Protein backbone atom coordinates (compact mmCIF):
# COMPACT_ATOMS: atom_id res chain seq x y z
CA MET A 1 -12.08 14.05 7.73
CA GLU A 2 -12.11 14.95 4.04
CA ASN A 3 -8.36 15.61 3.82
CA VAL A 4 -7.16 12.33 5.37
CA ASP A 5 -6.77 10.54 2.02
CA LYS A 6 -5.24 13.56 0.27
CA PHE A 7 -1.52 13.35 -0.37
CA VAL A 8 0.48 16.24 1.06
CA ASN A 9 3.29 17.10 -1.33
CA THR A 10 6.28 18.72 0.36
CA PRO A 11 9.88 19.37 -0.72
CA PHE A 12 10.79 16.12 1.05
CA PHE A 13 8.87 14.12 -1.59
CA GLU A 14 9.34 16.29 -4.69
CA SER A 15 12.52 14.65 -5.94
CA VAL A 16 11.14 11.13 -5.50
CA ILE A 17 7.94 12.05 -7.34
CA GLU A 18 9.82 13.66 -10.23
CA ARG A 19 12.23 10.74 -10.65
CA THR A 20 9.47 8.14 -10.42
CA GLU A 21 7.45 9.89 -13.13
CA GLN A 22 10.51 9.89 -15.39
CA TYR A 23 11.17 6.18 -14.86
CA ILE A 24 7.56 5.18 -15.50
CA ARG A 25 7.26 7.34 -18.62
CA SER A 26 10.40 5.61 -19.89
CA GLY A 27 8.68 2.25 -19.43
CA PHE A 28 10.36 1.02 -16.25
CA PRO A 29 8.56 -0.37 -13.19
CA VAL A 30 9.33 1.31 -9.87
CA HIS A 31 9.62 -0.29 -6.44
CA PHE A 32 9.19 1.68 -3.22
CA VAL A 33 10.69 -0.03 -0.18
CA GLY A 34 10.68 1.30 3.36
CA PRO A 35 9.44 0.70 6.89
CA SER A 36 5.74 0.55 7.65
CA GLY A 37 4.09 3.93 7.97
CA VAL A 38 6.46 6.05 5.87
CA GLY A 39 3.81 6.67 3.19
CA LYS A 40 4.75 4.22 0.41
CA THR A 41 1.19 3.45 -0.63
CA SER A 42 -0.02 7.06 -0.42
CA LEU A 43 2.94 8.17 -2.52
CA ALA A 44 2.32 5.44 -5.11
CA ILE A 45 -1.36 6.37 -5.42
CA HIS A 46 -0.49 10.06 -5.76
CA ILE A 47 1.97 9.36 -8.57
CA ALA A 48 -0.35 6.90 -10.32
CA ARG A 49 -3.13 9.48 -10.48
CA LYS A 50 -0.82 11.94 -12.24
CA PHE A 51 -0.93 9.77 -15.39
CA ASN A 52 -4.70 10.30 -15.82
CA LYS A 53 -5.34 6.59 -16.31
CA PRO A 54 -7.40 4.07 -14.34
CA VAL A 55 -5.55 2.81 -11.26
CA THR A 56 -5.73 -0.82 -10.15
CA ILE A 57 -4.51 -1.68 -6.64
CA LEU A 58 -3.41 -5.23 -5.82
CA ARG A 59 -2.76 -6.16 -2.18
CA GLY A 60 -0.12 -8.81 -1.65
CA HIS A 61 -0.80 -11.64 0.81
CA HIS A 62 0.54 -15.14 1.37
CA GLU A 63 -2.59 -16.85 -0.02
CA MET A 64 -2.56 -14.92 -3.29
CA SER A 65 -2.29 -17.18 -6.33
CA ASN A 66 -2.29 -16.90 -10.11
CA LYS A 67 -6.06 -17.33 -10.02
CA ASP A 68 -6.39 -14.07 -8.09
CA LEU A 69 -4.25 -12.18 -10.60
CA LEU A 70 -5.18 -13.88 -13.87
CA GLY A 71 -8.66 -15.24 -13.21
CA GLN A 72 -10.10 -18.73 -13.34
CA GLN A 73 -12.89 -20.84 -14.73
CA TYR A 74 -16.19 -20.55 -12.85
CA GLY A 75 -18.31 -23.42 -14.16
CA TYR A 76 -19.92 -23.51 -17.59
CA VAL A 77 -22.38 -21.49 -19.65
CA LYS A 78 -25.06 -23.42 -21.49
CA LYS A 79 -26.77 -22.01 -24.56
CA GLU A 80 -29.78 -23.81 -25.99
CA VAL A 81 -31.69 -22.97 -29.20
CA VAL A 82 -35.00 -24.71 -29.96
CA ASP A 83 -36.43 -24.34 -33.49
CA ASN A 84 -40.03 -25.48 -33.86
CA TYR A 85 -41.07 -22.96 -36.51
CA ILE A 86 -42.34 -25.75 -38.73
CA HIS A 87 -44.76 -27.77 -36.62
CA SER A 88 -43.64 -31.11 -37.98
CA VAL A 89 -39.94 -30.36 -37.54
CA TYR A 90 -38.27 -30.06 -34.12
CA LYS A 91 -34.70 -28.83 -34.03
CA LYS A 92 -32.62 -28.35 -30.91
CA GLU A 93 -29.04 -27.04 -30.60
CA GLN A 94 -26.95 -26.92 -27.45
CA GLU A 95 -23.62 -25.22 -26.76
CA VAL A 96 -21.75 -25.65 -23.50
CA ARG A 97 -18.64 -23.58 -22.94
CA PRO A 98 -16.51 -22.78 -19.90
CA PHE A 99 -17.15 -19.46 -18.15
CA TRP A 100 -13.91 -17.59 -17.44
CA LEU A 101 -13.75 -14.67 -15.01
CA SER A 102 -10.66 -12.54 -15.63
CA GLY A 103 -8.52 -11.31 -12.74
CA GLU A 104 -7.76 -7.66 -12.02
CA LEU A 105 -4.26 -7.87 -13.46
CA VAL A 106 -5.59 -9.11 -16.81
CA GLU A 107 -8.00 -6.19 -17.08
CA ALA A 108 -5.23 -3.75 -16.18
CA VAL A 109 -2.80 -5.19 -18.74
CA LEU A 110 -5.40 -5.23 -21.51
CA ASN A 111 -6.64 -1.69 -20.90
CA GLY A 112 -3.42 0.10 -19.98
CA HIS A 113 -4.04 0.81 -16.30
CA THR A 114 -1.46 1.91 -13.78
CA VAL A 115 -1.13 -0.93 -11.27
CA ILE A 116 -0.02 -0.52 -7.67
CA TYR A 117 1.09 -3.87 -6.29
CA ASP A 118 1.08 -3.04 -2.59
CA GLU A 119 3.29 -5.11 -0.26
CA PHE A 120 4.07 -7.55 -3.06
CA THR A 121 6.65 -9.42 -0.96
CA ARG A 122 3.81 -10.76 1.17
CA SER A 123 2.87 -12.90 -1.85
CA ARG A 124 4.81 -16.07 -2.54
CA PRO A 125 7.65 -15.87 -5.10
CA GLU A 126 6.00 -18.49 -7.31
CA THR A 127 2.93 -16.24 -7.56
CA ASN A 128 5.04 -13.25 -8.55
CA ASN A 129 6.82 -15.21 -11.29
CA ILE A 130 4.22 -14.08 -13.83
CA PHE A 131 5.64 -10.56 -13.61
CA LEU A 132 8.95 -11.70 -15.13
CA SER A 133 7.54 -12.12 -18.64
CA LEU A 134 5.18 -9.17 -18.17
CA LEU A 135 8.04 -6.78 -17.39
CA GLU A 136 10.64 -8.22 -19.75
CA GLU A 137 8.65 -9.43 -22.78
CA LYS A 138 5.49 -7.32 -22.35
CA VAL A 139 3.25 -10.38 -22.40
CA LEU A 140 1.14 -11.85 -19.61
CA PRO A 141 0.90 -15.65 -19.51
CA ILE A 142 -2.60 -17.04 -19.00
CA TYR A 143 -2.90 -20.47 -17.43
CA GLY A 144 -5.90 -22.76 -17.84
CA LYS A 145 -7.72 -20.85 -20.58
CA GLY A 146 -7.32 -23.28 -23.43
CA LYS A 147 -5.87 -21.88 -26.64
CA GLU A 148 -5.32 -18.39 -25.22
CA SER A 149 -1.92 -18.84 -23.55
CA PHE A 150 -0.92 -15.18 -23.20
CA ILE A 151 -2.08 -11.61 -23.79
CA GLU A 152 -0.02 -8.72 -25.06
CA CYS A 153 0.56 -5.79 -22.76
CA HIS A 154 -1.15 -2.47 -23.56
CA PRO A 155 1.49 0.19 -24.37
CA ASP A 156 0.14 2.47 -21.61
CA PHE A 157 0.39 -0.18 -18.89
CA SER A 158 2.65 0.71 -15.95
CA ILE A 159 3.24 -0.66 -12.48
CA ILE A 160 4.52 0.49 -9.08
CA PHE A 161 5.53 -2.06 -6.46
CA THR A 162 5.73 -1.38 -2.72
CA SER A 163 7.21 -3.50 0.05
CA ASN A 164 8.49 -3.50 3.60
CA PRO A 165 12.12 -4.49 4.28
CA GLU A 166 12.76 -8.24 4.13
CA GLU A 167 13.33 -8.50 7.87
CA TYR A 168 9.65 -7.73 8.47
CA ALA A 169 7.53 -10.68 9.56
CA GLY A 170 5.26 -12.16 6.90
CA THR A 171 7.42 -11.26 3.91
CA PHE A 172 9.10 -13.57 1.40
CA HIS A 173 12.48 -13.17 -0.25
CA THR A 174 11.97 -11.87 -3.78
CA GLN A 175 13.75 -13.65 -6.62
CA ASP A 176 16.72 -11.71 -8.01
CA ALA A 177 15.38 -12.03 -11.55
CA LEU A 178 12.37 -9.91 -10.62
CA MET A 179 14.29 -7.38 -8.55
CA ASP A 180 16.72 -6.84 -11.45
CA ARG A 181 13.80 -5.59 -13.53
CA LEU A 182 12.69 -2.97 -10.98
CA ILE A 183 14.07 0.45 -10.14
CA THR A 184 14.09 0.33 -6.35
CA ILE A 185 13.78 3.56 -4.37
CA ASN A 186 14.37 3.40 -0.63
CA LEU A 187 11.94 5.65 1.20
CA GLU A 188 13.23 7.02 4.47
CA PRO A 189 10.99 8.40 7.22
CA CYS A 190 10.14 12.03 6.60
CA ASP A 191 11.76 14.78 8.65
CA GLU A 192 9.98 16.61 11.47
CA LYS A 193 9.05 19.60 9.32
CA THR A 194 7.38 17.36 6.73
CA GLU A 195 5.58 15.31 9.37
CA ILE A 196 4.21 18.48 10.99
CA GLU A 197 3.01 19.69 7.59
CA ILE A 198 1.29 16.37 6.81
CA ILE A 199 -0.49 16.17 10.17
CA THR A 200 -1.62 19.81 10.03
CA LEU A 201 -3.01 19.64 6.49
CA LYS A 202 -4.57 16.19 6.79
CA THR A 203 -6.21 16.52 10.20
CA GLY A 204 -6.79 20.24 10.61
CA LEU A 205 -4.90 20.24 13.90
CA GLU A 206 -3.26 23.53 14.84
CA ARG A 207 0.33 23.68 13.60
CA LYS A 208 1.69 24.31 17.09
CA ASP A 209 -0.14 21.22 18.36
CA SER A 210 1.13 19.15 15.43
CA ALA A 211 4.66 20.29 16.26
CA LYS A 212 4.21 19.34 19.91
CA LEU A 213 2.98 15.86 18.94
CA VAL A 214 5.79 15.30 16.42
CA ARG A 215 8.46 16.32 18.91
CA LEU A 216 7.10 13.79 21.40
CA LEU A 217 7.16 10.99 18.83
CA SER A 218 10.66 11.95 17.71
CA GLU A 219 11.89 11.46 21.27
CA LEU A 220 10.13 8.10 21.54
CA ARG A 221 11.60 6.94 18.21
CA SER A 222 15.08 7.60 19.57
CA LEU A 223 14.59 5.07 22.37
CA GLY A 224 15.41 2.09 20.17
CA ASN A 225 16.10 0.92 16.64
CA GLY A 226 13.73 1.38 13.74
CA TYR A 227 11.10 3.89 12.66
CA SER A 228 8.45 3.40 15.31
CA PRO A 229 6.00 4.82 16.24
CA SER A 230 5.28 5.64 12.61
CA LEU A 231 3.58 8.59 10.95
CA ARG A 232 0.45 6.47 11.05
CA SER A 233 0.50 6.61 14.85
CA SER A 234 0.86 10.38 14.96
CA MET A 235 -2.02 10.69 12.48
CA MET A 236 -4.24 8.57 14.73
CA ILE A 237 -3.54 10.73 17.77
CA ALA A 238 -3.99 13.97 15.84
CA LEU A 239 -7.31 12.90 14.31
CA ILE A 240 -8.76 11.79 17.63
CA CYS A 241 -7.71 15.00 19.36
CA LYS A 242 -9.07 17.16 16.55
CA GLU A 243 -12.42 15.39 16.21
CA HIS A 244 -13.09 15.26 19.95
CA SER A 245 -11.60 18.65 20.91
CA ILE A 246 -9.00 17.09 23.18
CA PRO A 247 -6.20 19.55 23.96
CA VAL A 248 -2.70 18.49 22.91
CA ARG A 249 -1.20 19.14 26.30
CA ASN A 250 1.16 16.67 27.90
CA ARG A 251 -0.46 17.16 31.31
CA ASP A 252 -3.99 16.57 30.00
CA LYS A 253 -5.27 13.20 31.20
CA ASN A 254 -7.32 12.45 28.08
CA TYR A 255 -4.38 13.26 25.83
CA GLN A 256 -2.11 11.07 27.96
CA ASN A 257 -4.53 8.13 27.68
CA ILE A 258 -4.75 8.46 23.90
CA CYS A 259 -0.96 8.50 23.63
CA LEU A 260 -0.66 5.46 25.88
CA ASP A 261 -3.27 3.50 23.90
CA VAL A 262 -1.78 4.32 20.50
CA LEU A 263 1.92 4.25 21.34
CA SER A 264 2.37 1.44 23.87
CA ARG A 265 2.44 -1.40 21.35
CA PRO A 266 5.00 0.13 18.93
CA ILE A 267 7.22 1.22 21.84
CA LYS A 268 6.98 -2.27 23.34
CA GLN A 269 8.21 -3.68 20.02
CA LYS A 270 11.24 -1.38 20.20
CA LEU A 271 11.91 -2.22 23.85
CA PRO A 272 10.87 -5.89 24.21
CA HIS A 273 12.78 -6.25 27.48
CA LEU A 274 10.35 -3.87 29.20
CA SER A 275 6.93 -4.78 30.54
CA TYR A 276 3.88 -2.91 29.26
CA SER A 277 3.63 -0.97 32.51
CA SER A 278 7.28 0.07 32.17
CA VAL A 279 6.69 1.09 28.56
CA GLN A 280 3.79 3.30 29.60
CA GLU A 281 5.88 4.81 32.36
CA GLN A 282 8.53 5.63 29.76
CA ILE A 283 5.95 7.34 27.52
CA LEU A 284 4.63 9.41 30.42
CA LYS A 285 8.18 10.26 31.41
CA GLU A 286 8.89 11.64 27.92
CA MET A 287 5.66 13.63 28.03
CA GLN A 288 6.64 15.05 31.40
CA LYS A 289 10.08 16.03 30.08
CA LYS A 290 8.48 17.87 27.19
CA GLU A 291 6.18 19.73 29.57
CA GLU A 292 9.03 20.76 31.83
CA SER A 293 11.19 21.97 28.94
CA LYS A 294 8.54 24.44 27.74
């Protein structure tokens, strides 16, 4: 679907986009935090593209190290010159120097890219320490490259961080010194009207069908704490139904099966005391209620 990766701007996002642009143009890094599936990464990419500069995306993970961000030495380069122009004279020169492959962050800092550091709290705090001097002093320290100990930041360089809340599994606590340098914007789940608009424009599903799907997920989200199932789940269901001409009808068996396959795991996470069969019964029960209330 050609529209899936296109950001859908609605009044719900307009204020966040406007404020973020102001902060970045004033030289401040921005941090989007919110539950999985609210659109942090899509929003960051949309804003980054508005600056008409190259965009570099870094994905945080627990194995990320300074070598991934800054680069590292990959062996040596050998240069050899043999001079035998005069037959009786043989001259040979050799030069061996280390071969350094720069990391993506180095290229972005040197050339003034907009960086999106996605889910940066999945990286270890010691890895993220290099951003302290980058954000405060506008220099990037380079480790292991001999005499070149740092590079100066390009004046057009900017960065947007995204993260899930700290209670999410697989995240690390971020040092206060780094958080103090970021403008943190909490992203809440979008309202029903916005979600309907996003699904309709991105998938091509009929608006009335998008509304029916969103109302079902809204009821399921109210069963427990947290924003789950997410917008990502509703997008999955909508895309499958659209591409395979499956009617969005709560009594339709194919539609029921898609909803059960996509929604059972997130609902189970909200209601861990229930078995999977009970979770699926609950989903079907909500679908039945929606059908009867028509």
